[in-house]
Protein backbone atom coordinates (compact mmCIF):
# COMPACT_ATOMS: atom_id res chain seq x y z
CA THR A 1 -7.45 -24.71 -11.16
CA PHE A 2 -4.34 -27.57 -9.49
CA SER A 3 -5.29 -31.48 -8.75
CA THR A 4 -6.26 -32.24 -5.51
CA SER A 5 -2.80 -33.90 -5.16
CA TYR A 6 -0.50 -31.12 -5.73
CA TYR A 7 -2.58 -28.68 -2.91
CA LEU A 8 -1.86 -31.78 -0.80
CA THR A 9 1.53 -32.19 -1.76
CA HIS A 10 2.23 -28.22 -0.91
CA ILE A 11 -0.02 -28.33 2.81
CA HIS A 12 2.14 -30.94 3.65
CA ARG A 13 5.10 -29.53 2.89
CA TRP A 14 4.57 -26.24 3.09
CA PRO A 15 1.88 -25.80 5.59
CA GLU A 16 3.05 -21.85 6.72
CA LEU A 17 2.56 -20.99 3.20
CA CYS A 18 -0.65 -22.23 2.42
CA LEU A 19 -3.00 -19.72 3.46
CA SER A 20 -6.74 -19.02 3.40
CA ALA A 21 -9.15 -15.75 3.92
CA GLU A 22 -12.80 -16.84 4.97
CA SER A 23 -16.14 -14.93 6.01
CA SER A 24 -17.37 -15.29 8.80
CA ASP A 25 -19.58 -17.59 8.05
CA GLY A 26 -16.78 -19.52 7.06
CA GLU A 27 -17.20 -19.28 3.15
CA LEU A 28 -13.61 -19.57 1.33
CA MET A 29 -13.07 -15.87 -0.04
CA GLY A 30 -9.30 -16.43 -1.38
CA TYR A 31 -6.37 -18.35 -0.40
CA ILE A 32 -2.08 -18.28 -1.41
CA ILE A 33 0.15 -21.03 -1.86
CA GLY A 34 3.81 -21.15 -1.32
CA LYS A 35 7.01 -23.00 -1.17
CA THR A 36 10.75 -22.53 -0.06
CA ASP A 37 13.29 -23.05 -2.80
CA ILE A 38 17.08 -22.83 -2.56
CA GLY A 39 19.05 -21.32 -5.50
CA ALA A 40 21.82 -19.66 -6.72
CA GLU A 41 20.85 -16.75 -5.04
CA GLY A 42 19.92 -18.79 -1.52
CA LEU A 43 16.78 -19.41 -0.18
CA PHE A 44 13.14 -17.91 -1.33
CA VAL A 45 9.48 -17.89 -0.86
CA HIS A 46 8.14 -18.98 -4.26
CA VAL A 47 4.15 -17.69 -4.85
CA THR A 48 2.46 -20.98 -6.55
CA ALA A 49 -0.94 -19.56 -6.86
CA LEU A 50 -2.60 -16.61 -5.45
CA THR A 51 -7.05 -16.43 -6.04
CA VAL A 52 -9.48 -14.40 -4.70
CA LYS A 53 -12.94 -14.97 -5.63
CA GLY A 54 -14.43 -12.16 -7.51
CA GLU A 55 -17.05 -11.14 -5.37
CA HIS A 56 -14.62 -10.93 -2.75
CA ARG A 57 -11.98 -8.39 -4.87
CA LYS A 58 -11.08 -4.94 -4.34
CA ARG A 59 -11.45 -4.99 -0.80
CA GLY A 60 -7.53 -5.92 -0.01
CA ILE A 61 -7.70 -9.66 0.79
CA ALA A 62 -4.66 -10.25 -1.71
CA SER A 63 -2.66 -7.78 -0.30
CA ARG A 64 -3.26 -8.99 3.36
CA LEU A 65 -2.56 -13.00 2.13
CA MET A 66 1.08 -11.63 0.27
CA SER A 67 1.25 -9.86 3.32
CA GLN A 68 1.21 -12.47 5.60
CA LEU A 69 3.30 -15.12 3.10
CA GLU A 70 6.04 -12.29 2.88
CA MET A 71 6.10 -12.30 6.99
CA VAL A 72 6.70 -16.10 6.96
CA GLY A 73 9.05 -16.04 4.73
CA ALA A 74 11.25 -13.09 6.29
CA ASN A 75 10.30 -13.92 10.20
CA LYS A 76 10.28 -17.63 10.28
CA LEU A 77 12.17 -18.81 7.28
CA GLY A 78 14.59 -16.14 6.86
CA ALA A 79 14.44 -15.93 3.02
CA LEU A 80 15.65 -13.62 0.95
CA PHE A 81 13.31 -12.53 -1.53
CA VAL A 82 9.45 -13.73 -2.63
CA ASP A 83 8.69 -14.83 -6.06
CA LEU A 84 6.19 -15.42 -8.37
CA PHE A 85 5.36 -15.77 -11.81
CA VAL A 86 2.54 -14.00 -13.63
CA LYS A 87 1.52 -13.98 -17.40
CA GLU A 88 3.05 -10.58 -19.24
CA ILE A 89 -0.15 -10.09 -20.57
CA ASN A 90 -2.23 -9.88 -17.55
CA THR A 91 -1.43 -6.04 -16.85
CA ARG A 92 -4.18 -5.96 -14.18
CA ALA A 93 -1.54 -8.66 -12.31
CA VAL A 94 1.37 -7.20 -13.23
CA ASN A 95 0.21 -3.63 -12.06
CA TYR A 96 -1.06 -4.92 -8.69
CA TYR A 97 2.00 -6.67 -8.12
CA LYS A 98 4.44 -3.59 -9.02
CA GLY A 99 1.90 -2.17 -6.95
CA ILE A 100 2.85 -3.85 -3.61
CA GLY A 101 6.66 -3.70 -4.89
CA TYR A 102 7.50 -6.84 -6.90
CA VAL A 103 9.81 -5.75 -9.69
CA THR A 104 10.29 -8.26 -12.77
CA SER A 105 13.67 -9.82 -12.52
CA ARG A 106 13.34 -11.94 -15.73
CA VAL A 107 11.07 -13.00 -18.98
CA LEU A 108 10.35 -16.08 -19.10
CA SER A 109 9.69 -16.83 -22.67
CA ASP A 110 6.90 -18.89 -23.80
CA TYR A 111 6.35 -20.26 -20.38
CA TYR A 112 2.60 -20.25 -20.72
CA ASP A 113 1.02 -21.86 -24.04
CA ASP A 114 0.07 -18.11 -24.87
CA CYS A 115 2.41 -15.80 -23.78
CA ASN A 116 5.96 -15.25 -21.59
CA ALA A 117 6.14 -15.03 -18.25
CA LEU A 118 6.92 -12.24 -15.73
CA ASP A 119 9.47 -13.41 -12.79
CA MET A 120 8.57 -11.10 -10.35
CA ARG A 121 10.67 -10.51 -7.18
CA LYS A 122 10.42 -8.39 -3.47
CA SER A 123 13.36 -8.42 -1.36
CA LEU A 124 12.60 -9.36 2.20
CA PRO A 125 14.84 -7.97 5.20
CA ALA A 126 17.20 -10.70 4.45
CA ASP A 127 18.10 -8.87 1.35
CA LYS A 128 19.90 -5.81 3.21
CA LEU A 129 20.66 -4.35 -0.18
CA ASN A 130 17.79 -5.81 -2.21
CA ARG A 131 20.31 -7.06 -4.70
CA ARG A 132 17.22 -9.78 -5.65
CA MET A 133 15.28 -7.22 -6.90
CA ILE A 134 17.78 -6.04 -9.76
CA PRO A 135 16.66 -7.03 -13.01
CA LYS A 136 18.21 -9.52 -14.70
CA LYS A 137 17.18 -8.22 -18.36
CA ILE A 138 17.41 -11.07 -19.74
CA ILE A 139 15.00 -13.44 -21.68
CA VAL A 140 14.97 -17.20 -20.67
CA ARG A 141 14.25 -19.59 -23.38
């Protein structure tokens, strides 16, 4: 859903955070694209895209990709947390992320054309007190 240059930029700048899942015959089943950033709270990993083909869903592929990205962020990069934006109306995705330990940090008003975004976060081991998971209870406009 992104342009070719978008993918190439991420693969070039953050190759360790661009992961794919392939079948034994080489079919692409899903991928995750991430990047690092440094904000006021320190170094973190942002999930830019997580996609699994419809026929391969409900098989744990997304969870394995997320887990691998979190491990790279924690062990190789020393990031404090992972964050991602998800459509507030996408209840299936919101519940999935909650189920793997993410919490809503803040709401981004009108981030998408049709709705707000939730900024969801999960602390990594470097955030020993899980401070990055404390909800901010604010709406960013």
